[in-house]
């Protein structure tokens, strides 16, 4: 049984996927010529945000923090992915994407 937190996380992921696809379509077809190469940067960010939303929605990780430390749990009964797909490699990919997004906006 999924918790309320997991349901909210999955609904938010669905909304994020829809919004990012819409954003990419608008950038490609409706952006003004003066935007220039910045539109490719916006598409790049939207594609990675789309990927992050799908991964986060499927895995539904739980993050617990205390002061400056944190730990991430993924409960196998609340994930949409097979247990063999959830080892360290998946978590590294998820957190590398998170770090990438944080660093992108600090350019």
C-alpha atoms as a PDB file:
ATOM      1  CA  UNK A   1       0.000   0.000   0.000  1.00  0.00           C
ATOM      2  CA  UNK A   2       1.446   3.332  -1.043  1.00  0.00           C
ATOM      3  CA  UNK A   3       1.645   6.108   1.513  1.00  0.00           C
ATOM      4  CA  UNK A   4       0.215   9.572   0.974  1.00  0.00           C
ATOM      5  CA  UNK A   5       3.744  10.862   0.378  1.00  0.00           C
ATOM      6  CA  UNK A   6       4.273   8.307  -2.403  1.00  0.00           C
ATOM      7  CA  UNK A   7       0.950   9.157  -4.042  1.00  0.00           C
ATOM      8  CA  UNK A   8       1.740  12.877  -3.993  1.00  0.00           C
ATOM      9  CA  UNK A   9       5.185  12.137  -5.406  1.00  0.00           C
ATOM     10  CA  UNK A  10       3.728  10.092  -8.269  1.00  0.00           C
ATOM     11  CA  UNK A  11       1.019  12.646  -9.084  1.00  0.00           C
ATOM     12  CA  UNK A  12       3.667  15.379  -9.088  1.00  0.00           C
ATOM     13  CA  UNK A  13       5.828  13.288 -11.430  1.00  0.00           C
ATOM     14  CA  UNK A  14       2.919  12.906 -13.874  1.00  0.00           C
ATOM     15  CA  UNK A  15       2.300  16.652 -13.804  1.00  0.00           C
ATOM     16  CA  UNK A  16       6.039  17.311 -14.289  1.00  0.00           C
ATOM     17  CA  UNK A  17       6.191  14.965 -17.299  1.00  0.00           C
ATOM     18  CA  UNK A  18       3.187  16.669 -18.906  1.00  0.00           C
ATOM     19  CA  UNK A  19       4.540  20.171 -18.213  1.00  0.00           C
ATOM     20  CA  UNK A  20       8.027  19.403 -19.515  1.00  0.00           C
ATOM     21  CA  UNK A  21       6.707  17.845 -22.723  1.00  0.00           C
ATOM     22  CA  UNK A  22       4.484  20.882 -23.222  1.00  0.00           C
ATOM     23  CA  UNK A  23       7.425  23.185 -22.511  1.00  0.00           C
ATOM     24  CA  UNK A  24       9.639  21.407 -25.050  1.00  0.00           C
ATOM     25  CA  UNK A  25       6.915  21.646 -27.707  1.00  0.00           C
ATOM     26  CA  UNK A  26       6.423  25.348 -26.996  1.00  0.00           C
ATOM     27  CA  UNK A  27      10.161  26.037 -27.064  1.00  0.00           C
ATOM     28  CA  UNK A  28      10.616  24.228 -30.375  1.00  0.00           C
ATOM     29  CA  UNK A  29       7.584  25.593 -32.204  1.00  0.00           C
ATOM     30  CA  UNK A  30       6.665  28.905 -30.560  1.00  0.00           C
ATOM     31  CA  UNK A  31       9.913  30.483 -29.384  1.00  0.00           C
ATOM     32  CA  UNK A  32      10.953  33.756 -30.945  1.00  0.00           C
ATOM     33  CA  UNK A  33      14.040  33.948 -33.161  1.00  0.00           C
ATOM     34  CA  UNK A  34      15.629  36.429 -30.744  1.00  0.00           C
ATOM     35  CA  UNK A  35      15.885  33.700 -28.106  1.00  0.00           C
ATOM     36  CA  UNK A  36      18.721  32.238 -30.170  1.00  0.00           C
ATOM     37  CA  UNK A  37      20.783  29.417 -28.755  1.00  0.00           C
ATOM     38  CA  UNK A  38      19.278  29.860 -25.299  1.00  0.00           C
ATOM     39  CA  UNK A  39      16.338  27.764 -26.468  1.00  0.00           C
ATOM     40  CA  UNK A  40      18.656  24.757 -26.797  1.00  0.00           C
ATOM     41  CA  UNK A  41      19.725  25.262 -23.196  1.00  0.00           C
ATOM     42  CA  UNK A  42      16.049  25.369 -22.133  1.00  0.00           C
ATOM     43  CA  UNK A  43      15.332  22.161 -24.065  1.00  0.00           C
ATOM     44  CA  UNK A  44      18.385  20.528 -22.491  1.00  0.00           C
ATOM     45  CA  UNK A  45      17.155  21.380 -18.986  1.00  0.00           C
ATOM     46  CA  UNK A  46      13.607  20.224 -19.785  1.00  0.00           C
ATOM     47  CA  UNK A  47      14.795  16.849 -21.091  1.00  0.00           C
ATOM     48  CA  UNK A  48      16.815  16.185 -17.944  1.00  0.00           C
ATOM     49  CA  UNK A  49      13.952  17.369 -15.737  1.00  0.00           C
ATOM     50  CA  UNK A  50      11.675  14.989 -17.641  1.00  0.00           C
ATOM     51  CA  UNK A  51      14.072  12.109 -17.027  1.00  0.00           C
ATOM     52  CA  UNK A  52      14.394  13.010 -13.353  1.00  0.00           C
ATOM     53  CA  UNK A  53      10.605  13.178 -12.921  1.00  0.00           C
ATOM     54  CA  UNK A  54      10.158   9.712 -14.446  1.00  0.00           C
ATOM     55  CA  UNK A  55      12.868   8.168 -12.268  1.00  0.00           C
ATOM     56  CA  UNK A  56      11.677   9.913  -9.124  1.00  0.00           C
ATOM     57  CA  UNK A  57       8.064   8.960  -9.791  1.00  0.00           C
ATOM     58  CA  UNK A  58       8.896   5.302 -10.397  1.00  0.00           C
ATOM     59  CA  UNK A  59      11.272   4.854  -7.471  1.00  0.00           C
ATOM     60  CA  UNK A  60       9.545   7.175  -4.973  1.00  0.00           C
ATOM     61  CA  UNK A  61      12.594   7.522  -2.705  1.00  0.00           C
ATOM     62  CA  UNK A  62      12.235   8.542   0.920  1.00  0.00           C
ATOM     63  CA  UNK A  63      14.856  10.990   2.164  1.00  0.00           C
ATOM     64  CA  UNK A  64      15.551  11.370   5.863  1.00  0.00           C
ATOM     65  CA  UNK A  65      17.786  14.173   7.127  1.00  0.00           C
ATOM     66  CA  UNK A  66      19.337  15.060  10.452  1.00  0.00           C
ATOM     67  CA  UNK A  67      21.439  18.206  10.659  1.00  0.00           C
ATOM     68  CA  UNK A  68      24.001  17.889   7.826  1.00  0.00           C
ATOM     69  CA  UNK A  69      23.513  14.177   7.077  1.00  0.00           C
ATOM     70  CA  UNK A  70      20.930  12.423   4.940  1.00  0.00           C
ATOM     71  CA  UNK A  71      20.021   8.894   3.959  1.00  0.00           C
ATOM     72  CA  UNK A  72      17.837   7.670   1.112  1.00  0.00           C
ATOM     73  CA  UNK A  73      15.502   4.688   1.315  1.00  0.00           C
ATOM     74  CA  UNK A  74      13.531   3.063  -1.455  1.00  0.00           C
ATOM     75  CA  UNK A  75      10.876   0.697  -0.197  1.00  0.00           C
ATOM     76  CA  UNK A  76      10.477  -2.231  -2.583  1.00  0.00           C
ATOM     77  CA  UNK A  77       6.740  -2.471  -1.956  1.00  0.00           C
ATOM     78  CA  UNK A  78       6.208   1.175  -2.983  1.00  0.00           C
ATOM     79  CA  UNK A  79       8.291   1.262  -6.144  1.00  0.00           C
ATOM     80  CA  UNK A  80       7.170   0.648  -9.708  1.00  0.00           C
ATOM     81  CA  UNK A  81      10.557  -0.818 -10.646  1.00  0.00           C
ATOM     82  CA  UNK A  82      11.825  -4.377 -10.198  1.00  0.00           C
ATOM     83  CA  UNK A  83      14.078  -4.851  -7.140  1.00  0.00           C
ATOM     84  CA  UNK A  84      17.039  -5.795  -9.360  1.00  0.00           C
ATOM     85  CA  UNK A  85      16.967  -2.295 -10.879  1.00  0.00           C
ATOM     86  CA  UNK A  86      17.304  -0.456  -7.574  1.00  0.00           C
ATOM     87  CA  UNK A  87      20.875  -1.074  -6.410  1.00  0.00           C
ATOM     88  CA  UNK A  88      23.576   1.519  -5.935  1.00  0.00           C
ATOM     89  CA  UNK A  89      23.887   2.315  -9.629  1.00  0.00           C
ATOM     90  CA  UNK A  90      20.302   3.552  -9.779  1.00  0.00           C
ATOM     91  CA  UNK A  91      20.690   5.695  -6.664  1.00  0.00           C
ATOM     92  CA  UNK A  92      23.929   7.156  -8.010  1.00  0.00           C
ATOM     93  CA  UNK A  93      22.159   8.040 -11.255  1.00  0.00           C
ATOM     94  CA  UNK A  94      19.261   9.636  -9.380  1.00  0.00           C
ATOM     95  CA  UNK A  95      21.498  11.762  -7.156  1.00  0.00           C
ATOM     96  CA  UNK A  96      23.850  12.687  -9.997  1.00  0.00           C
ATOM     97  CA  UNK A  97      20.851  14.066 -11.871  1.00  0.00           C
ATOM     98  CA  UNK A  98      19.827  15.983  -8.757  1.00  0.00           C
ATOM     99  CA  UNK A  99      23.330  17.431  -8.450  1.00  0.00           C
ATOM    100  CA  UNK A 100      23.349  18.323 -12.121  1.00  0.00           C
ATOM    101  CA  UNK A 101      20.089  20.262 -11.794  1.00  0.00           C
ATOM    102  CA  UNK A 102      21.351  22.140  -8.774  1.00  0.00           C
ATOM    103  CA  UNK A 103      24.589  23.087 -10.534  1.00  0.00           C
ATOM    104  CA  UNK A 104      22.803  24.094 -13.753  1.00  0.00           C
ATOM    105  CA  UNK A 105      20.962  26.891 -12.022  1.00  0.00           C
ATOM    106  CA  UNK A 106      24.148  28.184 -10.376  1.00  0.00           C
ATOM    107  CA  UNK A 107      25.866  28.971 -13.694  1.00  0.00           C
END
